[in-house]
Amino acid sequence: MKKRLKPASGLYPLILTLFITLLSTACSNSQNREKTIKTTSTAEVKEDPKQKPADAKAIMAKREVPVLCYHQIRNNLASDSKRAHDDIISPDKFREHIKMLADSGYHTILPDQLYNYLVFNGKLPEKPIMITFDDTDMDQFTVGNATLKKYGFKGVYFIMTVSIGRKGRISYMTKENIKQLSDEGNTIASHTYDHKNFAQFTDEDWKIQIDEPTKKLEQITGKKLEYFAYPYGVYKASNLHKLKEYGFKAAFILSTARDENYPLYTIRRIIDPGRYTAKNLYYSINKSFNKTKS
């Protein structure tokens, strides 16, 4: 009969110690990675009171950060107009495009980070990008937010308050959805009460379209509202100063030219249309934003 060899004295404790060390290292690496993702997207912005804010000319000279705009994340319907197709992207294509951004090394930033970069020369992550959603559609929560979370991304949700909780051919986010987005570190911002064209504002509209929506969203989120997106991307230069008076730090247009006197209130975005492939979007980002104004 063969003798069963006994393990050398002290071998079991050594193996056990090695196993625990490897497991601890793996967990630590995983936690550090999660911390890095969270810091990239939701880093607290602290302004340096000693640093002089940049003027309009200096802001205009800075390299623009890519900002994407989405509206409806759903499949096209036969009743959709040709124009509407630009504002509609299928869920599958949206997921494909967000995956491309993650695979390409982009890191999402939020408006506070962009403001700090433009005004106080704050640092941004490598390949920063901002992902924004207009109009409060429910699919921005069910598909948009769920997809962003998969990659550790955060988004900016420009809320049209008349639509909150409405259901019909298009369903809209509830107060609870909006609160959850805010609590999870996304930015909730204003998109007027009922999408009235900013260039057509009357004196009364500053209360209806700006003041009251601001108060409502602040009540829902428990946070100060400081950012705005123009319906249709249309602004009126003579009214831009009033946005600052109403407490907004910055505002977002679409792909038209910025106002050289108020670049913070005419930050450019591009729409990611449903007809684009992921490669089309990548080229569009580089063509639209990877340049410096002299």
Protein backbone atom coordinates (compact mmCIF):
# COMPACT_ATOMS: atom_id res chain seq x y z
CA MET A 1 0.00 0.00 0.00
CA LYS A 2 1.28 3.44 -0.97
CA LYS A 3 1.70 5.94 1.79
CA ARG A 4 -0.38 9.11 1.51
CA LEU A 5 1.94 12.07 1.56
CA LYS A 6 1.15 14.61 4.20
CA PRO A 7 1.35 18.26 3.21
CA ALA A 8 4.35 20.08 4.50
CA SER A 9 3.83 21.74 7.84
CA GLY A 10 2.48 25.28 7.48
CA LEU A 11 1.50 24.90 3.80
CA TYR A 12 -2.27 25.22 4.37
CA PRO A 13 -1.99 28.50 6.30
CA LEU A 14 0.29 29.86 3.57
CA ILE A 15 -2.18 28.94 0.80
CA LEU A 16 -5.06 30.41 2.78
CA THR A 17 -3.16 33.66 3.36
CA LEU A 18 -2.31 33.92 -0.35
CA PHE A 19 -5.95 33.33 -1.36
CA ILE A 20 -7.24 36.01 1.03
CA THR A 21 -4.64 38.49 -0.26
CA LEU A 22 -5.60 37.90 -3.91
CA LEU A 23 -9.32 38.21 -3.11
CA SER A 24 -8.77 41.43 -1.17
CA THR A 25 -6.73 42.92 -4.04
CA ALA A 26 -9.42 42.06 -6.59
CA CYS A 27 -12.14 43.66 -4.48
CA SER A 28 -10.00 46.75 -3.93
CA ASN A 29 -9.37 47.14 -7.66
CA SER A 30 -13.08 46.81 -8.39
CA GLN A 31 -13.95 49.45 -5.78
CA ASN A 32 -11.28 51.80 -7.12
CA ARG A 33 -12.65 51.43 -10.66
CA GLU A 34 -16.20 52.22 -9.47
CA LYS A 35 -14.83 55.21 -7.54
CA THR A 36 -13.02 56.46 -10.63
CA ILE A 37 -16.17 56.24 -12.77
CA LYS A 38 -18.23 58.06 -10.15
CA THR A 39 -15.61 60.77 -9.69
CA THR A 40 -15.38 61.36 -13.44
CA SER A 41 -19.12 61.90 -13.84
CA THR A 42 -20.20 63.53 -10.60
CA ALA A 43 -17.13 65.26 -9.21
CA GLU A 44 -18.07 68.15 -6.95
CA VAL A 45 -17.11 71.47 -8.50
CA LYS A 46 -15.50 74.03 -6.22
CA GLU A 47 -14.87 77.50 -7.57
CA ASP A 48 -11.67 79.24 -6.56
CA PRO A 49 -12.69 82.66 -5.22
CA LYS A 50 -9.17 83.96 -5.85
CA GLN A 51 -9.26 83.16 -9.54
CA LYS A 52 -10.62 85.81 -11.88
CA PRO A 53 -13.49 84.53 -14.05
CA ALA A 54 -12.79 84.30 -17.78
CA ASP A 55 -14.38 86.94 -19.98
CA ALA A 56 -16.45 86.21 -23.08
CA LYS A 57 -13.48 86.39 -25.43
CA ALA A 58 -11.47 83.90 -23.39
CA ILE A 59 -14.43 81.53 -23.21
CA MET A 60 -14.98 81.72 -26.96
CA ALA A 61 -11.30 80.86 -27.55
CA LYS A 62 -11.48 77.63 -25.57
CA ARG A 63 -11.90 74.27 -27.24
CA GLU A 64 -15.57 73.32 -27.24
CA VAL A 65 -16.62 70.23 -25.32
CA PRO A 66 -18.87 67.87 -27.32
CA VAL A 67 -22.49 68.03 -26.17
CA LEU A 68 -25.06 65.59 -27.60
CA CYS A 69 -28.82 66.11 -27.62
CA TYR A 70 -31.50 63.41 -27.63
CA HIS A 71 -35.29 63.63 -27.71
CA GLN A 72 -37.30 60.44 -28.27
CA ILE A 73 -35.71 57.00 -27.91
CA ARG A 74 -38.18 54.76 -29.71
CA ASN A 75 -38.83 53.08 -33.04
CA ASN A 76 -40.30 55.17 -35.86
CA LEU A 77 -44.02 55.04 -36.54
CA ALA A 78 -45.74 55.36 -39.91
CA SER A 79 -47.40 58.54 -38.66
CA ASP A 80 -44.07 60.24 -37.87
CA SER A 81 -43.17 63.14 -40.15
CA LYS A 82 -39.89 63.21 -42.04
CA ARG A 83 -38.73 66.09 -39.84
CA ALA A 84 -39.52 64.11 -36.69
CA HIS A 85 -37.10 61.38 -37.71
CA ASP A 86 -34.15 63.57 -36.71
CA ASP A 87 -35.49 63.69 -33.15
CA ILE A 88 -36.14 59.94 -32.92
CA ILE A 89 -33.52 57.26 -32.37
CA SER A 90 -34.33 53.58 -31.89
CA PRO A 91 -33.45 51.99 -28.52
CA ASP A 92 -31.05 49.55 -30.19
CA LYS A 93 -29.25 52.31 -32.05
CA PHE A 94 -29.08 54.49 -28.94
CA ARG A 95 -27.46 51.64 -27.00
CA GLU A 96 -25.03 51.09 -29.86
CA HIS A 97 -24.05 54.76 -29.92
CA ILE A 98 -23.52 54.99 -26.15
CA LYS A 99 -21.42 51.82 -26.24
CA MET A 100 -19.29 53.40 -28.98
CA LEU A 101 -18.69 56.45 -26.78
CA ALA A 102 -17.63 54.26 -23.87
CA ASP A 103 -15.43 52.05 -26.07
CA SER A 104 -13.84 55.19 -27.58
CA GLY A 105 -12.73 56.42 -24.16
CA TYR A 106 -15.22 59.24 -23.62
CA HIS A 107 -16.11 60.32 -20.08
CA THR A 108 -19.38 62.10 -19.37
CA ILE A 109 -19.33 65.44 -17.59
CA LEU A 110 -22.12 67.55 -16.12
CA PRO A 111 -22.89 71.28 -16.51
CA ASP A 112 -21.11 72.33 -13.31
CA GLN A 113 -17.90 70.76 -14.61
CA LEU A 114 -18.28 72.45 -17.99
CA TYR A 115 -18.99 75.81 -16.35
CA ASN A 116 -15.94 75.48 -14.12
CA TYR A 117 -13.77 74.65 -17.15
CA LEU A 118 -15.04 77.58 -19.20
CA VAL A 119 -15.02 80.20 -16.45
CA PHE A 120 -12.26 79.11 -14.05
CA ASN A 121 -10.12 76.86 -16.28
CA GLY A 122 -11.08 73.79 -14.25
CA LYS A 123 -9.77 70.39 -15.24
CA LEU A 124 -11.82 67.96 -17.28
CA PRO A 125 -11.35 64.21 -17.79
CA GLU A 126 -9.70 62.97 -20.96
CA LYS A 127 -12.18 63.01 -23.88
CA PRO A 128 -15.05 64.73 -22.05
CA ILE A 129 -18.57 64.65 -23.47
CA MET A 130 -21.98 65.75 -22.23
CA ILE A 131 -25.15 63.77 -22.96
CA THR A 132 -28.40 65.74 -22.76
CA PHE A 133 -32.09 64.91 -23.15
CA ASP A 134 -34.91 67.34 -23.99
CA ASP A 135 -38.68 67.26 -23.36
CA THR A 136 -39.18 64.84 -20.41
CA ASP A 137 -40.08 61.70 -22.47
CA MET A 138 -40.39 58.53 -20.38
CA ASP A 139 -38.08 56.60 -22.71
CA GLN A 140 -35.26 58.89 -21.62
CA PHE A 141 -35.67 57.34 -18.16
CA THR A 142 -36.41 53.72 -19.09
CA VAL A 143 -33.92 53.40 -21.97
CA GLY A 144 -31.69 56.46 -21.74
CA ASN A 145 -30.85 56.39 -18.04
CA ALA A 146 -30.62 52.60 -17.90
CA THR A 147 -28.12 52.59 -20.78
CA LEU A 148 -25.99 55.39 -19.33
CA LYS A 149 -25.81 53.62 -15.97
CA LYS A 150 -24.44 50.51 -17.66
CA TYR A 151 -21.32 52.45 -18.61
CA GLY A 152 -21.03 54.62 -15.51
CA PHE A 153 -22.27 57.66 -17.48
CA LYS A 154 -24.39 60.56 -16.23
CA GLY A 155 -26.78 62.74 -18.19
CA VAL A 156 -28.51 66.12 -18.22
CA TYR A 157 -32.32 66.12 -18.40
CA PHE A 158 -33.97 69.33 -19.63
CA ILE A 159 -37.50 69.12 -18.27
CA MET A 160 -40.61 70.63 -19.85
CA THR A 161 -42.79 70.85 -16.75
CA VAL A 162 -46.21 70.83 -18.44
CA SER A 163 -45.57 67.22 -19.44
CA ILE A 164 -44.62 65.78 -16.06
CA GLY A 165 -46.70 62.64 -15.39
CA ARG A 166 -48.71 62.84 -18.63
CA LYS A 167 -49.63 59.71 -20.57
CA GLY A 168 -50.83 59.20 -24.11
CA ARG A 169 -49.23 58.37 -27.44
CA ILE A 170 -46.05 59.52 -25.70
CA SER A 171 -45.62 58.95 -21.97
CA TYR A 172 -43.64 61.38 -19.87
CA MET A 173 -41.58 61.10 -16.72
CA THR A 174 -43.20 61.43 -13.32
CA LYS A 175 -42.00 63.51 -10.39
CA GLU A 176 -40.63 60.30 -8.88
CA ASN A 177 -38.60 59.54 -12.02
CA ILE A 178 -37.14 63.04 -12.04
CA LYS A 179 -36.28 62.84 -8.32
CA GLN A 180 -34.57 59.49 -8.87
CA LEU A 181 -32.47 60.85 -11.74
CA SER A 182 -31.38 63.75 -9.55
CA ASP A 183 -30.62 61.52 -6.55
CA GLU A 184 -28.49 59.27 -8.76
CA GLY A 185 -26.22 62.18 -9.66
CA ASN A 186 -27.69 63.34 -12.97
CA THR A 187 -28.46 67.02 -13.60
CA ILE A 188 -32.07 68.20 -13.81
CA ALA A 189 -32.44 71.46 -15.76
CA SER A 190 -35.14 73.67 -17.29
CA HIS A 191 -36.73 73.49 -20.76
CA THR A 192 -39.62 75.94 -20.09
CA TYR A 193 -43.20 75.14 -19.12
CA ASP A 194 -44.64 74.15 -22.49
CA HIS A 195 -41.82 74.56 -25.02
CA LYS A 196 -42.59 78.13 -26.03
CA ASN A 197 -40.05 79.68 -28.39
CA PHE A 198 -37.64 81.79 -26.30
CA ALA A 199 -37.39 84.40 -29.07
CA GLN A 200 -41.13 85.06 -28.67
CA PHE A 201 -41.19 85.55 -24.90
CA THR A 202 -43.44 88.28 -23.53
CA ASP A 203 -42.95 89.86 -20.10
CA GLU A 204 -45.49 87.41 -18.66
CA ASP A 205 -43.59 84.43 -20.07
CA TRP A 206 -40.66 84.99 -17.74
CA LYS A 207 -42.97 83.99 -14.92
CA ILE A 208 -44.80 81.19 -16.78
CA GLN A 209 -41.92 79.69 -18.75
CA ILE A 210 -38.98 80.38 -16.44
CA ASP A 211 -39.89 81.29 -12.86
CA GLU A 212 -42.61 78.74 -12.15
CA PRO A 213 -40.85 75.75 -13.83
CA THR A 214 -37.70 76.59 -11.87
CA LYS A 215 -39.56 76.54 -8.56
CA LYS A 216 -41.35 73.30 -9.43
CA LEU A 217 -38.19 71.44 -10.37
CA GLU A 218 -36.38 72.73 -7.29
CA GLN A 219 -39.25 71.43 -5.15
CA ILE A 220 -39.03 68.00 -6.82
CA THR A 221 -35.25 67.62 -6.61
CA GLY A 222 -34.44 69.65 -3.52
CA LYS A 223 -31.59 71.23 -5.49
CA LYS A 224 -30.98 74.62 -7.06
CA LEU A 225 -31.78 74.82 -10.77
CA GLU A 226 -29.01 76.56 -12.72
CA TYR A 227 -29.12 75.44 -16.37
CA PHE A 228 -31.50 75.94 -19.28
CA ALA A 229 -32.02 74.66 -22.84
CA TYR A 230 -33.87 76.71 -25.46
CA PRO A 231 -36.87 75.07 -27.14
CA TYR A 232 -35.99 74.38 -30.78
CA GLY A 233 -32.48 75.62 -29.93
CA VAL A 234 -33.65 79.17 -30.72
CA TYR A 235 -32.53 82.16 -28.65
CA LYS A 236 -32.87 85.95 -28.79
CA ALA A 237 -29.62 87.82 -28.15
CA SER A 238 -31.29 90.80 -26.48
CA ASN A 239 -32.82 88.53 -23.80
CA LEU A 240 -29.73 86.52 -22.89
CA HIS A 241 -28.74 88.80 -20.02
CA LYS A 242 -32.06 88.10 -18.33
CA LEU A 243 -31.25 84.41 -17.92
CA LYS A 244 -28.36 85.39 -15.67
CA GLU A 245 -30.70 87.66 -13.71
CA TYR A 246 -33.01 84.67 -13.19
CA GLY A 247 -30.18 82.63 -11.67
CA PHE A 248 -29.01 80.53 -14.61
CA LYS A 249 -25.26 79.94 -14.91
CA ALA A 250 -25.41 78.70 -18.51
CA ALA A 251 -27.83 77.80 -21.30
CA PHE A 252 -27.72 75.45 -24.28
CA ILE A 253 -28.65 75.96 -27.93
CA LEU A 254 -28.31 73.46 -30.77
CA SER A 255 -25.86 73.62 -33.68
CA THR A 256 -26.17 77.30 -34.63
CA ALA A 257 -23.40 79.83 -33.94
CA ARG A 258 -22.72 80.99 -30.40
CA ASP A 259 -23.25 84.58 -29.31
CA GLU A 260 -19.80 86.12 -28.86
CA ASN A 261 -21.01 88.36 -26.03
CA TYR A 262 -22.80 85.57 -24.14
CA PRO A 263 -20.99 82.28 -24.89
CA LEU A 264 -22.07 80.77 -21.57
CA TYR A 265 -25.71 81.21 -22.58
CA THR A 266 -25.26 79.80 -26.08
CA ILE A 267 -23.38 76.56 -25.52
CA ARG A 268 -23.62 74.41 -28.64
CA ARG A 269 -25.08 70.92 -28.88
CA ILE A 270 -25.61 68.57 -31.80
CA ILE A 271 -28.48 66.14 -32.25
CA ASP A 272 -27.64 62.46 -32.68
CA PRO A 273 -30.18 61.63 -35.41
CA GLY A 274 -31.70 58.18 -35.74
CA ARG A 275 -30.29 57.71 -39.22
CA TYR A 276 -26.68 57.88 -37.97
CA THR A 277 -24.54 54.83 -37.46
CA ALA A 278 -22.16 54.82 -34.51
CA LYS A 279 -19.34 55.65 -36.95
CA ASN A 280 -21.35 58.59 -38.33
CA LEU A 281 -21.79 59.95 -34.81
CA TYR A 282 -18.08 59.61 -34.05
CA TYR A 283 -17.16 61.58 -37.17
CA SER A 284 -19.84 64.18 -36.47
CA ILE A 285 -18.51 64.80 -32.94
CA ASN A 286 -14.98 65.31 -34.23
CA LYS A 287 -16.07 67.55 -37.10
CA SER A 288 -18.30 69.73 -34.93
CA PHE A 289 -16.22 70.13 -31.78
CA ASN A 290 -12.56 69.25 -32.26
CA LYS A 291 -11.45 72.70 -33.24
CA THR A 292 -10.31 75.86 -31.47
CA LYS A 293 -11.63 79.32 -32.27
CA SER A 294 -8.80 81.82 -32.74
